[in-house]
Structure formats: structure tokens, C-alpha cells
Amino acid sequence: MAPQDTPAAGTGSDRVLQRLMALHPKLIDLSLKRVHTLLARLGHPERALPPVIHVAGTNGKGSLIAFLRAMLSAAGYRVHVATSPHLVWFHERIQLAGQPIGEPDLLALLEEAERANGGEPITFFEITTCAAFLAFARTPADVLLLETGLGGRLDATNVIERPELTAITPIGLDHMDFLGGDLATIAGEKAGIMKPGVPCVAAPQPDEAAAVLRARAEAVGAPLDLGGRDWHAEPASDGTAFTHTGRDGSARRYPAPRLLGPYQLDNAAHAVACTDRLDRYTLPDAAIREGLASATWPGRMQRLTEGALAERLPENWELWLDGGHNPAAGRALAAALDRWRTGEPETPIHVVVGMITSKDPAAFMAPFADRAASVTAVPVPDEPNSFDAATLAERAREAGAGTVTAADSVRAALDRLAASGGERARVLVCGSLYLAGSVLRENG
């Protein structure tokens, strides 16, 4: 199976994906029984995968995977990647040795999984995860970077009996209607990916979450490298580098990663800590450095310098995009905006925000609302669970935003901001990965 060109929407795989969406009345129904049943019918592809690095957490999963992928690729390894959700095309979720799965292969795998399932109830994520395992099992690679969809313990990806490594990124309050109403309960769900004898490398955590991870690791016999206890990262005062101190006490200094935002230093350090546990692989320091310099992850503090939307702004304006949507992401954006304001305090920052109703807009926006010269609320296109612009604008006011307006679309918001004048400004579109995907599609 070889990666091929990825098509635009309206293809055969789109039609199959629409059918798969209708197989279960709920979008999310955390369970492993349906996945085990279908995988057995498919011949257990999960048992024929390359070595797996299984990643859970609330924030930073995608960035951690981006760094590990770049580092392993720089060292000459073939890397499969499974992530979700996608931003533009579903094909992004299944990366085969560095390329999105091609349309013919995706269509064939989805139809194979659909036939094996026989019309029985199964969620969209569960059946597409099984199809992804078929692709990964049939395409040679040296490692699979596997991201959980939601939680960990009952996530469809948690059928790998013995991964090479597990990694847990910072845990925060998100998806509380599925994972629990407090940090300890959510941490327990994330910790469910730990396996006996398999090392787990965790990012620094709030005390409540860290206690749960320590207890789970001890209970299952998983060696735990916990950030802030077993490994440490110290950013340089100017943000241009960081020093990583490993569990053996050795210290190494690395340049700041290519991915922007001060929080990416933390994600980069977490990736370096993970490499210390990848004994199967030879990762020279040069490969780690190259990975830090080359990693990319769309929709995370991404600057759009050209395209249909970017070109609607005046010449000296900047358009930025971030898919963050929970309180921890709001704090990370606040840190990024503070850095902008320190560097160029005369440059206004305008925020365009769209969110879905399962999120808490006020909690997300509270950390950075007062940093923005204006906040424009927009709906998330083609998303039935989107906040309407007027309601979201009211939530922005509750979060402490000063100048707040509503617009029908991101395009309309940009046109209004451009017409307001000003020699320089930055515009940040944020609040939802679905909105980020919509912006990337419309921008071309």
C-alpha cells in the first residue's frame, strides 16, 4: 500500500464516511467491546502494527506527535501517524510513512471495515480507527505514533496490548461530560493507556493529576518519567532556547522549536524526554535538533501569509490561526499574546473566535480577552453544535473583553477589521479545531 495524492472533498470515501456516521446514534460512546469485535473480524490488524508510541492528554498531543515524527524521520525511520480530528480532509488522520493515505486505498479500507462490521452499531471513530489499523498493518514502517481520540482508558485506540512507549501530555478540564467533572477523574481516564512494564513519559502536571498518574503507574507496574520530578526543562529568559535535564541528571541545551508559542517549548521538551525512553531507536542529538527545527503542525499558532482570507487584510497586517478551545489553551494563547505585546506594544491584536457548545467560551477567553483590542464572535461553519455569534459575543463580554462584535463569518469579520484602518495589526482566529479547518479550506 503506497501513499497517493489526496483529493478534495466529494469523493467515494466521503460517501462511505457519511454512511459510517449513521451506524451509531451517538457520536461518542466510550467502550472497547465494539472495537474488539470488529478487529477480530478483520483478522486482528492491531497485532501486526509497527512499534507503537501511544499518546494521550488534554493539550499538546498533536504538537508532541509532530516533534516526535520530525525527530524520528530525521534519524531515518519510517513513521506512521494516526491523529484526529482532521482539519481539511479525513485523509490527514492516516499518515503512511510521512504522507496522507491516498483516496483509492482509503476508500477500499473503509469499505472493507464497513463490510466486516455488517451494519452493527459502532461509532464513527471506532470503525475508522479499525480501518486505520488495517492501513498501518499493511504498510511497512518503523514506528506508529498513535493519538487517542478521547480520554484513554476506553478510547478506541487503547487496544494495543504492549506499546513501545506511552506519553501523557498536560491534563486539564475538557470533555467533562464524557471524562468526568474534576481533574483527578479525567487524569484517571488518561492514565488508562499505561501498560505493565511499558515506560510512560508524562509532561508536568497539576498536583491532582500527577498524584493519579503516579498511583496508576505503581498499580500496573509502568515505569513513569514525570516532568518536574524525573525530568526538567528550563527555558532561556529570552525564549530562544531551553535546557533539558534527563532522568539521569544530564543536561542538554536545545534551540527553541520551529512551532510558535511559548508553550511549544514545553511540548518540545516533552518530546526530548520521550526520546530518552526509545531504546529501540538510535536518535542522535543532530536528529533531535533537526526535528525541533522542522516540525510543523497546522492550526496551532499558524501564520497564514497568503491565500484567499489572508489577502483580505491590509499589507502590513498578520493573520494567525489556532485551534485551541479549552481553559489551558486560553492560558497558552494569553502567553503568546503577551509576548506579542511586549515585542511590539503598538500593534493591536484583534481576536476572531468561534466555538462549539460543548466548550466553555468564558473560561477559554478569560485568560486573554483583556489583551485584545477587539473580539469578533463568529459561528463555526457547517457545525450544528456551534454557538451562534450573538451568544458567543455575550460570553466574550463575560470573559472580560472590551470591544465585542458579532459577524456572520470569518470572511465578514476580516473585512470589517480591514475597513477599520490602521497601519499594522495582528488578527488571531481561534476557539475550535473545526473553525481552524474551515479557515484553512477557505484560505486555500
Protein backbone atom coordinates (compact mmCIF):
# COMPACT_ATOMS: atom_id res chain seq x y z
CA MET A 1 0.00 0.00 0.00
CA ALA A 2 1.60 3.25 -1.12
CA PRO A 3 0.58 6.81 -0.21
CA GLN A 4 -1.01 8.67 -3.11
CA ASP A 5 -2.29 12.13 -3.84
CA THR A 6 -5.08 13.23 -1.53
CA PRO A 7 -8.20 14.51 -3.31
CA ALA A 8 -10.58 17.26 -2.40
CA ALA A 9 -14.00 16.61 -0.92
CA GLY A 10 -16.82 14.91 -2.81
CA THR A 11 -15.01 11.60 -3.33
CA GLY A 12 -16.03 7.98 -2.78
CA SER A 13 -14.50 7.94 0.68
CA ASP A 14 -16.66 10.93 1.63
CA ARG A 15 -19.77 8.94 0.79
CA VAL A 16 -18.62 5.95 2.84
CA LEU A 17 -17.71 8.20 5.76
CA GLN A 18 -21.22 9.64 5.68
CA ARG A 19 -22.67 6.13 5.90
CA LEU A 20 -20.38 5.27 8.81
CA MET A 21 -21.59 8.33 10.70
CA ALA A 22 -25.07 6.81 10.77
CA LEU A 23 -24.09 3.45 12.32
CA HIS A 24 -24.46 4.67 15.91
CA PRO A 25 -26.95 7.14 17.37
CA LYS A 26 -24.18 8.82 19.37
CA LEU A 27 -21.02 10.43 18.05
CA ILE A 28 -19.19 9.37 21.23
CA ASP A 29 -19.94 6.20 23.22
CA LEU A 30 -16.79 5.19 25.09
CA SER A 31 -16.36 1.43 25.02
CA LEU A 32 -13.88 -1.16 23.72
CA LYS A 33 -16.26 -4.06 23.08
CA ARG A 34 -17.33 -2.97 19.59
CA VAL A 35 -13.73 -2.29 18.56
CA HIS A 36 -12.52 -5.70 19.77
CA THR A 37 -15.35 -7.40 17.87
CA LEU A 38 -14.62 -5.65 14.59
CA LEU A 39 -10.86 -6.09 14.86
CA ALA A 40 -11.38 -9.82 15.32
CA ARG A 41 -13.47 -9.94 12.16
CA LEU A 42 -10.72 -8.04 10.32
CA GLY A 43 -8.05 -10.53 11.40
CA HIS A 44 -6.60 -8.50 14.28
CA PRO A 45 -4.57 -5.86 12.40
CA GLU A 46 -3.77 -4.24 15.75
CA ARG A 47 -1.46 -7.20 16.43
CA ALA A 48 0.55 -6.60 13.24
CA LEU A 49 1.38 -2.92 13.73
CA PRO A 50 4.86 -1.41 13.89
CA PRO A 51 6.01 -0.50 17.43
CA VAL A 52 3.50 1.98 18.85
CA ILE A 53 4.01 5.21 20.77
CA HIS A 54 0.59 5.85 22.32
CA VAL A 55 -0.21 9.47 23.22
CA ALA A 56 -3.00 10.77 25.48
CA GLY A 57 -3.61 14.05 27.32
CA THR A 58 -5.68 17.20 27.09
CA ASN A 59 -3.40 19.71 25.37
CA GLY A 60 -0.36 19.33 23.17
CA LYS A 61 -0.92 15.80 21.83
CA GLY A 62 -0.64 16.89 18.21
CA SER A 63 2.41 19.04 18.83
CA LEU A 64 4.17 16.25 20.74
CA ILE A 65 3.48 13.87 17.86
CA ALA A 66 4.72 16.47 15.36
CA PHE A 67 8.04 16.77 17.22
CA LEU A 68 8.49 13.00 17.61
CA ARG A 69 7.62 12.43 13.97
CA ALA A 70 10.17 15.02 12.83
CA MET A 71 12.89 13.67 15.12
CA LEU A 72 12.37 10.03 14.13
CA SER A 73 12.17 10.96 10.44
CA ALA A 74 15.37 12.97 10.73
CA ALA A 75 17.05 9.84 12.11
CA GLY A 76 15.98 7.89 9.02
CA TYR A 77 12.96 6.00 10.38
CA ARG A 78 9.70 5.45 8.52
CA VAL A 79 6.92 6.90 10.68
CA HIS A 80 3.18 6.23 10.57
CA VAL A 81 0.93 8.76 12.32
CA ALA A 82 -2.70 8.50 13.47
CA THR A 83 -4.32 11.74 14.67
CA SER A 84 -7.78 13.25 14.99
CA PRO A 85 -9.73 15.28 14.20
CA HIS A 86 -8.66 16.28 10.72
CA LEU A 87 -8.61 19.90 9.62
CA VAL A 88 -9.41 19.74 5.91
CA TRP A 89 -9.54 16.13 4.67
CA PHE A 90 -10.15 12.91 6.56
CA HIS A 91 -7.04 11.52 4.85
CA GLU A 92 -4.91 13.62 7.24
CA ARG A 93 -5.83 11.24 10.07
CA ILE A 94 -3.90 8.34 8.49
CA GLN A 95 -0.32 9.26 7.60
CA LEU A 96 1.60 6.43 5.97
CA ALA A 97 5.39 6.83 6.17
CA GLY A 98 5.06 10.60 6.00
CA GLN A 99 2.18 11.03 3.55
CA PRO A 100 -1.61 11.14 3.94
CA ILE A 101 -3.29 7.95 2.80
CA GLY A 102 -4.37 8.08 -0.84
CA GLU A 103 -8.02 8.12 -1.85
CA PRO A 104 -8.17 4.67 -3.53
CA ASP A 105 -6.59 2.97 -0.52
CA LEU A 106 -8.74 4.86 1.98
CA LEU A 107 -11.91 4.01 0.08
CA ALA A 108 -11.01 0.32 -0.09
CA LEU A 109 -10.17 0.12 3.62
CA LEU A 110 -13.31 1.93 4.73
CA GLU A 111 -15.45 -0.39 2.61
CA GLU A 112 -13.63 -3.44 3.98
CA ALA A 113 -14.29 -2.30 7.56
CA GLU A 114 -17.90 -1.49 6.67
CA ARG A 115 -18.48 -4.97 5.25
CA ALA A 116 -16.89 -6.67 8.24
CA ASN A 117 -18.99 -4.64 10.64
CA GLY A 118 -22.16 -5.80 8.91
CA GLY A 119 -24.26 -2.78 9.79
CA GLU A 120 -23.96 -3.27 13.55
CA PRO A 121 -23.85 -0.22 15.84
CA ILE A 122 -20.37 1.28 16.09
CA THR A 123 -19.22 4.86 16.43
CA PHE A 124 -17.55 6.74 13.60
CA PHE A 125 -14.24 6.97 15.44
CA GLU A 126 -14.25 3.28 16.32
CA ILE A 127 -14.79 1.97 12.80
CA THR A 128 -12.39 4.46 11.21
CA THR A 129 -9.75 3.55 13.80
CA CYS A 130 -10.11 -0.09 12.78
CA ALA A 131 -9.70 0.90 9.13
CA ALA A 132 -6.60 2.90 10.04
CA PHE A 133 -5.10 -0.15 11.78
CA LEU A 134 -5.55 -2.10 8.54
CA ALA A 135 -3.58 0.57 6.69
CA PHE A 136 -0.81 0.70 9.28
CA ALA A 137 -0.51 -3.09 9.45
CA ARG A 138 -0.20 -3.44 5.67
CA THR A 139 2.32 -0.66 5.05
CA PRO A 140 5.89 -1.18 6.31
CA ALA A 141 7.16 1.34 8.85
CA ASP A 142 9.45 1.50 11.86
CA VAL A 143 7.07 3.18 14.31
CA LEU A 144 3.44 4.28 14.68
CA LEU A 145 2.60 7.48 16.57
CA LEU A 146 -0.95 6.84 17.79
CA GLU A 147 -3.08 9.63 19.27
CA THR A 148 -6.10 8.86 21.42
CA GLY A 149 -9.39 10.30 20.28
CA LEU A 150 -10.93 11.00 23.69
CA GLY A 151 -9.70 10.07 27.13
CA GLY A 152 -7.63 6.89 27.07
CA ARG A 153 -8.98 4.04 29.16
CA LEU A 154 -11.99 3.37 26.90
CA ASP A 155 -10.69 5.07 23.79
CA ALA A 156 -10.84 3.01 20.59
CA THR A 157 -7.05 3.22 20.24
CA ASN A 158 -6.48 1.55 23.62
CA VAL A 159 -6.42 -1.98 22.21
CA ILE A 160 -2.63 -2.11 21.82
CA GLU A 161 -1.56 -4.68 24.40
CA ARG A 162 2.08 -3.65 24.63
CA PRO A 163 3.10 -0.37 23.01
CA GLU A 164 6.73 0.67 22.84
CA LEU A 165 6.02 3.79 24.92
CA THR A 166 3.09 5.73 26.29
CA ALA A 167 3.11 9.51 26.67
CA ILE A 168 0.69 11.77 28.52
CA THR A 169 0.61 15.48 27.72
CA PRO A 170 -0.69 18.16 30.14
CA ILE A 171 -4.08 17.23 31.58
CA GLY A 172 -6.80 19.82 32.06
CA LEU A 173 -10.55 20.24 32.18
CA ASP A 174 -12.06 19.29 28.83
CA HIS A 175 -14.73 16.88 27.58
CA MET A 176 -16.05 16.82 31.15
CA ASP A 177 -19.40 15.41 30.02
CA PHE A 178 -17.58 12.22 28.94
CA LEU A 179 -14.47 12.02 31.12
CA GLY A 180 -15.60 13.37 34.50
CA GLY A 181 -16.17 16.62 36.31
CA ASP A 182 -12.83 17.01 38.08
CA LEU A 183 -9.15 16.81 37.24
CA ALA A 184 -8.49 13.60 39.15
CA THR A 185 -11.23 11.70 37.31
CA ILE A 186 -10.06 12.97 33.92
CA ALA A 187 -6.47 12.05 34.79
CA GLY A 188 -7.65 8.54 35.64
CA GLU A 189 -9.12 8.18 32.16
CA LYS A 190 -5.93 9.44 30.51
CA ALA A 191 -3.78 7.16 32.68
CA GLY A 192 -5.72 4.19 31.31
CA ILE A 193 -3.24 3.91 28.43
CA MET A 194 -0.44 2.84 30.82
CA LYS A 195 0.58 -0.79 30.41
CA PRO A 196 2.59 -3.17 32.65
CA GLY A 197 6.30 -2.82 32.02
CA VAL A 198 5.85 -0.13 29.34
CA PRO A 199 7.55 3.19 30.15
CA CYS A 200 5.29 6.24 30.35
CA VAL A 201 6.70 9.74 29.86
CA ALA A 202 4.35 12.39 31.22
CA ALA A 203 4.52 16.15 30.94
CA PRO A 204 4.50 18.24 34.13
CA GLN A 205 1.01 18.05 35.61
CA PRO A 206 -1.15 19.82 38.19
CA ASP A 207 -0.69 18.16 41.59
CA GLU A 208 -4.09 16.49 41.48
CA ALA A 209 -3.42 14.89 38.10
CA ALA A 210 0.19 13.99 38.94
CA ALA A 211 -0.96 12.04 42.00
CA VAL A 212 -3.32 9.97 39.86
CA LEU A 213 -0.62 9.22 37.30
CA ARG A 214 1.83 8.13 39.99
CA ALA A 215 -0.75 5.84 41.58
CA ARG A 216 -1.75 4.27 38.26
CA ALA A 217 1.86 3.71 37.22
CA GLU A 218 2.60 1.95 40.51
CA ALA A 219 -0.58 -0.14 40.29
CA VAL A 220 0.16 -1.51 36.79
CA GLY A 221 3.95 -1.59 37.06
CA ALA A 222 4.67 1.03 34.41
CA PRO A 223 7.96 2.97 34.77
CA LEU A 224 6.92 6.63 34.96
CA ASP A 225 9.06 9.60 33.95
CA LEU A 226 7.08 12.57 35.26
CA GLY A 227 8.02 16.06 34.15
CA GLY A 228 9.10 18.24 37.05
CA ARG A 229 10.07 15.16 39.07
CA ASP A 230 12.12 12.86 36.82
CA TRP A 231 12.98 15.23 34.01
CA HIS A 232 13.07 19.02 33.80
CA ALA A 233 13.01 21.76 31.18
CA GLU A 234 14.23 25.30 31.77
CA PRO A 235 13.53 27.88 29.05
CA ALA A 236 16.07 30.60 28.39
CA SER A 237 14.99 34.03 29.58
CA ASP A 238 14.62 35.27 26.00
CA GLY A 239 12.69 32.20 24.83
CA THR A 240 15.23 31.28 22.16
CA ALA A 241 16.36 28.00 23.76
CA PHE A 242 15.71 25.55 26.56
CA THR A 243 17.77 23.22 28.71
CA HIS A 244 16.55 19.66 29.14
CA THR A 245 17.71 17.69 32.16
CA GLY A 246 17.00 13.99 31.81
CA ARG A 247 16.21 11.41 34.45
CA ASP A 248 19.93 10.52 34.58
CA GLY A 249 20.81 14.11 35.54
CA SER A 250 22.46 15.01 32.23
CA ALA A 251 21.64 18.46 30.84
CA ARG A 252 21.40 19.37 27.15
CA ARG A 253 20.64 22.74 25.62
CA TYR A 254 18.44 22.97 22.55
CA PRO A 255 17.24 25.84 20.35
CA ALA A 256 13.60 26.86 20.52
CA PRO A 257 11.42 24.80 18.17
CA ARG A 258 10.03 25.99 14.88
CA LEU A 259 6.46 25.73 16.19
CA LEU A 260 5.48 29.10 17.63
CA GLY A 261 4.07 29.92 21.05
CA PRO A 262 5.89 29.76 24.39
CA TYR A 263 4.02 26.56 25.29
CA GLN A 264 5.74 24.81 22.38
CA LEU A 265 8.96 24.88 24.38
CA ASP A 266 7.20 22.64 26.89
CA ASN A 267 5.94 20.31 24.17
CA ALA A 268 9.41 20.16 22.62
CA ALA A 269 10.99 19.31 25.98
CA HIS A 270 8.40 16.56 26.46
CA ALA A 271 9.38 15.10 23.09
CA VAL A 272 13.05 15.16 24.07
CA ALA A 273 12.15 13.34 27.31
CA CYS A 274 10.33 10.70 25.26
CA THR A 275 13.42 10.08 23.14
CA ASP A 276 15.30 9.13 26.31
CA ARG A 277 12.99 6.11 26.63
CA LEU A 278 13.08 4.99 22.98
CA ASP A 279 15.81 2.40 23.41
CA ARG A 280 14.79 0.59 20.22
CA TYR A 281 15.77 3.60 18.11
CA THR A 282 19.04 5.44 17.57
CA LEU A 283 18.29 9.13 17.85
CA PRO A 284 21.45 11.23 17.59
CA ASP A 285 21.41 14.71 19.03
CA ALA A 286 21.57 16.07 15.49
CA ALA A 287 18.28 14.34 14.61
CA ILE A 288 16.61 15.76 17.71
CA ARG A 289 17.76 19.24 16.78
CA GLU A 290 16.64 18.81 13.18
CA GLY A 291 13.25 17.64 14.40
CA LEU A 292 12.84 20.69 16.61
CA ALA A 293 13.70 22.91 13.66
CA SER A 294 11.49 21.18 11.08
CA ALA A 295 8.33 20.07 12.93
CA THR A 296 5.08 21.54 11.62
CA TRP A 297 1.53 21.26 12.92
CA PRO A 298 -1.24 23.14 11.07
CA GLY A 299 -3.79 25.07 13.07
CA ARG A 300 -1.55 25.70 16.08
CA MET A 301 -0.32 29.30 16.16
CA GLN A 302 -0.02 29.08 12.39
CA ARG A 303 0.57 32.24 10.43
CA LEU A 304 -1.29 32.43 7.11
CA THR A 305 0.83 34.60 4.83
CA GLU A 306 -1.08 34.07 1.60
CA GLY A 307 -4.43 32.77 0.43
CA ALA A 308 -7.99 33.98 -0.06
CA LEU A 309 -8.51 35.07 3.56
CA ALA A 310 -5.01 36.34 4.28
CA GLU A 311 -5.20 38.59 1.24
CA ARG A 312 -8.29 40.36 2.55
CA LEU A 313 -6.19 42.11 5.17
CA PRO A 314 -4.01 45.20 4.56
CA GLU A 315 -0.41 44.64 3.53
CA ASN A 316 1.20 45.10 6.93
CA TRP A 317 -1.38 43.07 8.86
CA GLU A 318 -0.84 39.47 10.00
CA LEU A 319 -3.37 36.62 10.09
CA TRP A 320 -2.85 33.85 12.65
CA LEU A 321 -4.79 30.65 13.33
CA ASP A 322 -5.04 28.47 16.43
CA GLY A 323 -7.45 25.62 17.16
CA GLY A 324 -7.22 25.84 20.98
CA HIS A 325 -10.58 25.70 22.73
CA ASN A 326 -10.26 24.95 26.47
CA PRO A 327 -9.03 26.94 29.52
CA ALA A 328 -5.47 25.61 29.26
CA ALA A 329 -5.34 26.59 25.60
CA GLY A 330 -6.66 30.02 26.58
CA ARG A 331 -3.79 30.45 29.01
CA ALA A 332 -1.31 29.40 26.33
CA LEU A 333 -2.77 31.98 23.95
CA ALA A 334 -2.54 34.63 26.65
CA ALA A 335 1.19 33.92 26.97
CA ALA A 336 1.60 34.20 23.20
CA LEU A 337 -0.31 37.50 23.09
CA ASP A 338 1.75 38.85 25.99
CA ARG A 339 4.90 38.13 24.03
CA TRP A 340 3.48 39.97 21.03
CA ARG A 341 2.55 42.95 23.18
CA THR A 342 5.99 43.05 24.76
CA GLY A 343 7.75 42.96 21.41
CA GLU A 344 5.54 45.45 19.58
CA PRO A 345 3.18 47.09 22.07
CA GLU A 346 1.83 49.50 19.47
CA THR A 347 0.45 46.67 17.26
CA PRO A 348 -3.24 45.98 18.03
CA ILE A 349 -4.35 42.36 18.42
CA HIS A 350 -7.84 41.51 17.13
CA VAL A 351 -9.36 38.15 18.04
CA VAL A 352 -11.94 36.35 15.89
CA VAL A 353 -13.47 33.47 17.82
CA GLY A 354 -15.87 30.63 17.04
CA MET A 355 -16.69 27.73 19.37
CA ILE A 356 -18.94 24.70 19.71
CA THR A 357 -21.47 24.39 22.50
CA SER A 358 -19.68 21.59 24.37
CA LYS A 359 -16.97 24.09 25.34
CA ASP A 360 -16.94 26.89 27.93
CA PRO A 361 -16.28 30.11 25.99
CA ALA A 362 -15.85 32.35 29.02
CA ALA A 363 -13.31 30.00 30.60
CA PHE A 364 -11.42 29.77 27.30
CA MET A 365 -11.36 33.52 26.63
CA ALA A 366 -10.88 34.83 30.19
CA PRO A 367 -7.07 34.49 30.16
CA PHE A 368 -6.60 36.64 27.05
CA ALA A 369 -9.78 38.67 26.50
CA ASP A 370 -8.37 41.83 28.06
CA ARG A 371 -5.29 41.63 25.80
CA ALA A 372 -7.34 42.02 22.64
CA ALA A 373 -8.14 45.36 21.02
CA SER A 374 -11.37 43.73 19.85
CA VAL A 375 -13.15 40.37 19.85
CA THR A 376 -15.40 39.35 16.97
CA ALA A 377 -17.62 36.31 17.51
CA VAL A 378 -18.48 34.13 14.51
CA PRO A 379 -20.30 30.82 14.00
CA VAL A 380 -18.36 27.67 13.10
CA PRO A 381 -19.42 26.88 9.51
CA ASP A 382 -21.36 23.67 8.85
CA GLU A 383 -21.30 22.75 12.53
CA PRO A 384 -24.78 22.22 14.04
CA ASN A 385 -23.38 22.47 17.58
CA SER A 386 -21.78 25.87 17.01
CA PHE A 387 -22.55 28.82 19.26
CA ASP A 388 -24.39 31.50 17.36
CA ALA A 389 -22.39 34.69 17.04
CA ALA A 390 -24.61 36.79 19.30
CA THR A 391 -24.48 34.31 22.19
CA LEU A 392 -20.73 33.88 21.83
CA ALA A 393 -20.27 37.65 21.81
CA GLU A 394 -22.07 37.83 25.15
CA ARG A 395 -19.77 35.14 26.54
CA ALA A 396 -16.78 37.20 25.38
CA ARG A 397 -18.07 40.17 27.36
CA GLU A 398 -18.46 37.92 30.41
CA ALA A 399 -14.82 36.88 29.93
CA GLY A 400 -13.69 40.50 30.19
CA ALA A 401 -13.38 41.55 26.56
CA GLY A 402 -13.86 45.26 25.91
CA THR A 403 -14.85 45.92 22.29
CA VAL A 404 -17.00 42.97 21.20
CA THR A 405 -18.94 42.49 17.96
CA ALA A 406 -20.56 39.62 16.06
CA ALA A 407 -20.17 38.67 12.39
CA ASP A 408 -21.71 36.07 10.12
CA SER A 409 -18.39 34.55 9.07
CA VAL A 410 -14.63 34.81 9.40
CA ARG A 411 -14.54 36.47 6.00
CA ALA A 412 -17.02 39.13 7.13
CA ALA A 413 -15.07 39.67 10.35
CA LEU A 414 -11.81 40.17 8.43
CA ASP A 415 -13.45 42.59 6.00
CA ARG A 416 -14.82 44.66 8.90
CA LEU A 417 -11.46 44.74 10.64
CA ALA A 418 -9.64 45.68 7.44
CA ALA A 419 -12.07 48.55 6.88
CA SER A 420 -11.40 49.89 10.38
CA GLY A 421 -7.98 51.11 9.28
CA GLY A 422 -4.62 51.02 10.97
CA GLU A 423 -1.13 50.67 9.61
CA ARG A 424 -0.38 47.42 11.43
CA ALA A 425 -2.39 44.80 13.32
CA ARG A 426 -2.48 41.11 14.12
CA VAL A 427 -5.66 39.06 13.74
CA LEU A 428 -5.93 35.74 15.61
CA VAL A 429 -8.70 33.31 14.64
CA CYS A 430 -9.23 30.76 17.41
CA GLY A 431 -11.67 28.73 19.52
CA SER A 432 -12.18 25.49 17.62
CA LEU A 433 -10.31 22.96 15.51
CA TYR A 434 -13.40 22.78 13.33
CA LEU A 435 -13.15 26.53 12.76
CA ALA A 436 -9.43 26.17 12.04
CA GLY A 437 -10.18 23.55 9.40
CA SER A 438 -12.82 25.78 7.85
CA VAL A 439 -10.38 28.68 7.68
CA LEU A 440 -7.70 26.54 6.04
CA ARG A 441 -10.19 25.29 3.44
CA GLU A 442 -11.47 28.75 2.64
CA ASN A 443 -7.97 30.21 2.58
CA GLY A 444 -6.97 27.59 0.05
